[in-house]
């Protein structure tokens, strides 16, 4: 899976996209509320690691998600 942080503009908040190996969008959520329903994406139990990654992730750079 891959992760990218998208910068919002004006009143639109920053978002996180999680994509599968074929770059199909799997999850799309606000960067300030990232930990809702994370179990259904196979990332249950890794909330702390994901939160840390999101904070350090630069905007607009696609990265391989490995937790």
N, C-alpha and C. Protein backbone atom coordinates (compact mmCIF):
# COMPACT_ATOMS: atom_id res chain seq x y z
N UNK A 1 0.83 -1.18 0.00
CA UNK A 1 0.00 0.00 0.00
C UNK A 1 0.88 1.25 0.00
N UNK A 2 0.30 2.34 -0.42
CA UNK A 2 0.99 3.62 -0.50
C UNK A 2 0.18 4.68 0.25
N UNK A 3 0.88 5.72 0.71
CA UNK A 3 0.23 6.80 1.45
C UNK A 3 0.72 8.13 0.90
N UNK A 4 -0.18 9.11 0.85
CA UNK A 4 0.17 10.46 0.41
C UNK A 4 -0.64 11.45 1.24
N UNK A 5 -0.01 12.57 1.57
CA UNK A 5 -0.66 13.64 2.33
C UNK A 5 -0.94 14.78 1.35
N UNK A 6 -2.20 15.20 1.29
CA UNK A 6 -2.63 16.23 0.34
C UNK A 6 -2.94 17.51 1.11
N UNK A 7 -2.34 18.61 0.70
CA UNK A 7 -2.51 19.90 1.37
C UNK A 7 -3.84 20.51 0.97
N UNK A 8 -4.62 20.92 1.97
CA UNK A 8 -5.88 21.60 1.72
C UNK A 8 -5.64 23.09 1.47
N UNK A 9 -6.67 23.76 0.97
CA UNK A 9 -6.59 25.20 0.72
C UNK A 9 -7.78 25.88 1.37
N UNK A 10 -7.55 27.07 1.90
CA UNK A 10 -8.59 27.89 2.54
C UNK A 10 -9.32 27.07 3.60
N UNK A 11 -10.59 26.79 3.39
CA UNK A 11 -11.38 26.06 4.38
C UNK A 11 -11.34 24.55 4.20
N UNK A 12 -10.69 24.08 3.16
CA UNK A 12 -10.58 22.64 2.90
C UNK A 12 -9.40 22.10 3.72
N UNK A 13 -9.63 21.10 4.57
CA UNK A 13 -8.54 20.58 5.42
C UNK A 13 -7.56 19.70 4.65
N UNK A 14 -6.44 19.40 5.29
CA UNK A 14 -5.46 18.47 4.73
C UNK A 14 -6.05 17.06 4.78
N UNK A 15 -5.74 16.25 3.77
CA UNK A 15 -6.26 14.89 3.69
C UNK A 15 -5.14 13.88 3.51
N UNK A 16 -5.44 12.65 3.87
CA UNK A 16 -4.53 11.52 3.69
C UNK A 16 -5.20 10.54 2.73
N UNK A 17 -4.46 10.04 1.76
CA UNK A 17 -4.95 9.00 0.86
C UNK A 17 -4.11 7.75 1.07
N UNK A 18 -4.76 6.61 1.16
CA UNK A 18 -4.08 5.33 1.18
C UNK A 18 -4.51 4.58 -0.07
N UNK A 19 -3.53 4.13 -0.84
CA UNK A 19 -3.79 3.45 -2.11
C UNK A 19 -3.16 2.07 -2.10
N UNK A 20 -3.77 1.14 -2.85
CA UNK A 20 -3.24 -0.22 -2.90
C UNK A 20 -2.11 -0.31 -3.92
N UNK A 21 -1.65 -1.51 -4.18
CA UNK A 21 -0.52 -1.72 -5.10
C UNK A 21 -0.81 -1.27 -6.53
N UNK A 22 -2.08 -1.21 -6.90
CA UNK A 22 -2.47 -0.75 -8.24
C UNK A 22 -2.85 0.73 -8.23
N UNK A 23 -2.56 1.41 -7.14
CA UNK A 23 -2.85 2.83 -6.92
C UNK A 23 -4.34 3.15 -6.89
N UNK A 24 -5.15 2.15 -6.58
CA UNK A 24 -6.59 2.36 -6.40
C UNK A 24 -6.80 2.92 -4.99
N UNK A 25 -7.62 3.95 -4.89
CA UNK A 25 -7.89 4.59 -3.61
C UNK A 25 -8.59 3.62 -2.67
N UNK A 26 -7.98 3.36 -1.50
CA UNK A 26 -8.52 2.44 -0.50
C UNK A 26 -9.13 3.22 0.65
N UNK A 27 -8.47 4.30 1.07
CA UNK A 27 -8.94 5.11 2.18
C UNK A 27 -8.62 6.58 1.91
N UNK A 28 -9.51 7.45 2.40
CA UNK A 28 -9.37 8.88 2.22
C UNK A 28 -9.95 9.51 3.47
N UNK A 29 -9.11 10.20 4.26
CA UNK A 29 -9.60 10.78 5.50
C UNK A 29 -8.81 12.04 5.84
N UNK A 30 -9.40 12.84 6.74
CA UNK A 30 -8.76 14.08 7.15
C UNK A 30 -7.50 13.78 7.96
N UNK A 31 -6.48 14.57 7.77
CA UNK A 31 -5.22 14.36 8.46
C UNK A 31 -5.33 14.62 9.96
N UNK A 32 -6.27 15.48 10.36
CA UNK A 32 -6.42 15.77 11.78
C UNK A 32 -7.32 14.76 12.50
N UNK A 33 -7.95 13.84 11.77
CA UNK A 33 -8.79 12.78 12.36
C UNK A 33 -8.51 11.45 11.67
N UNK A 34 -7.29 10.96 11.74
CA UNK A 34 -6.92 9.81 10.92
C UNK A 34 -7.31 8.43 11.42
N UNK A 35 -7.74 8.29 12.66
CA UNK A 35 -7.81 6.96 13.23
C UNK A 35 -9.20 6.35 13.31
N UNK A 36 -10.14 6.78 12.48
CA UNK A 36 -11.48 6.20 12.48
C UNK A 36 -11.55 5.02 11.51
N UNK A 37 -12.11 3.91 11.97
CA UNK A 37 -12.35 2.72 11.13
C UNK A 37 -11.09 2.21 10.43
N UNK A 38 -9.97 2.32 11.07
CA UNK A 38 -8.69 1.92 10.45
C UNK A 38 -8.56 0.40 10.35
N UNK A 39 -9.33 -0.34 11.16
CA UNK A 39 -9.25 -1.81 11.15
C UNK A 39 -9.66 -2.39 9.80
N UNK A 40 -10.64 -1.76 9.15
CA UNK A 40 -11.12 -2.32 7.88
C UNK A 40 -10.12 -2.19 6.73
N UNK A 41 -9.02 -1.47 6.96
CA UNK A 41 -7.97 -1.34 5.96
C UNK A 41 -6.78 -2.22 6.28
N UNK A 42 -6.92 -3.07 7.30
CA UNK A 42 -5.84 -3.97 7.69
C UNK A 42 -4.76 -3.31 8.52
N UNK A 43 -5.08 -2.17 9.13
CA UNK A 43 -4.09 -1.44 9.91
C UNK A 43 -4.46 -1.38 11.39
N UNK A 44 -5.36 -2.23 11.83
CA UNK A 44 -5.76 -2.26 13.23
C UNK A 44 -4.58 -2.57 14.14
N UNK A 45 -4.50 -1.89 15.28
CA UNK A 45 -3.40 -2.09 16.21
C UNK A 45 -2.15 -1.29 15.88
N UNK A 46 -2.17 -0.55 14.78
CA UNK A 46 -1.00 0.22 14.36
C UNK A 46 -1.31 1.72 14.37
N UNK A 47 -2.29 2.11 15.18
CA UNK A 47 -2.75 3.50 15.20
C UNK A 47 -1.64 4.48 15.59
N UNK A 48 -0.86 4.13 16.61
CA UNK A 48 0.22 5.03 17.07
C UNK A 48 1.28 5.22 15.99
N UNK A 49 1.65 4.13 15.33
CA UNK A 49 2.64 4.21 14.25
C UNK A 49 2.11 5.05 13.09
N UNK A 50 0.84 4.85 12.74
CA UNK A 50 0.24 5.58 11.63
C UNK A 50 0.14 7.07 11.96
N UNK A 51 -0.25 7.38 13.18
CA UNK A 51 -0.34 8.79 13.59
C UNK A 51 1.02 9.48 13.51
N UNK A 52 2.07 8.81 13.96
CA UNK A 52 3.42 9.36 13.89
C UNK A 52 3.85 9.57 12.43
N UNK A 53 3.57 8.59 11.58
CA UNK A 53 3.91 8.68 10.16
C UNK A 53 3.20 9.86 9.50
N UNK A 54 1.92 10.05 9.81
CA UNK A 54 1.15 11.14 9.21
C UNK A 54 1.71 12.50 9.62
N UNK A 55 2.12 12.63 10.87
CA UNK A 55 2.70 13.90 11.32
C UNK A 55 3.99 14.22 10.58
N UNK A 56 4.81 13.22 10.30
CA UNK A 56 6.11 13.43 9.67
C UNK A 56 6.06 13.41 8.14
N UNK A 57 4.97 12.97 7.57
CA UNK A 57 4.84 12.82 6.13
C UNK A 57 4.82 14.18 5.44
N UNK A 58 5.68 14.39 4.43
CA UNK A 58 5.64 15.66 3.69
C UNK A 58 4.44 15.69 2.75
N UNK A 59 3.95 16.88 2.46
CA UNK A 59 2.82 17.02 1.56
C UNK A 59 3.20 16.66 0.13
N UNK A 60 2.31 15.93 -0.53
CA UNK A 60 2.47 15.65 -1.96
C UNK A 60 3.48 14.59 -2.33
N UNK A 61 4.07 13.89 -1.36
CA UNK A 61 5.06 12.89 -1.69
C UNK A 61 4.48 11.49 -1.42
N UNK A 62 4.32 10.71 -2.46
CA UNK A 62 3.81 9.36 -2.36
C UNK A 62 4.88 8.45 -1.75
N UNK A 63 4.49 7.71 -0.70
CA UNK A 63 5.45 6.83 -0.03
C UNK A 63 4.85 5.45 0.14
N UNK A 64 5.70 4.45 0.13
CA UNK A 64 5.29 3.09 0.41
C UNK A 64 4.91 3.02 1.89
N UNK A 65 3.75 2.45 2.17
CA UNK A 65 3.26 2.32 3.55
C UNK A 65 3.72 0.99 4.10
N UNK A 66 4.62 1.05 5.05
CA UNK A 66 5.12 -0.18 5.68
C UNK A 66 5.17 0.06 7.17
N UNK A 67 4.22 -0.53 7.88
CA UNK A 67 4.16 -0.39 9.34
C UNK A 67 4.42 -1.71 10.00
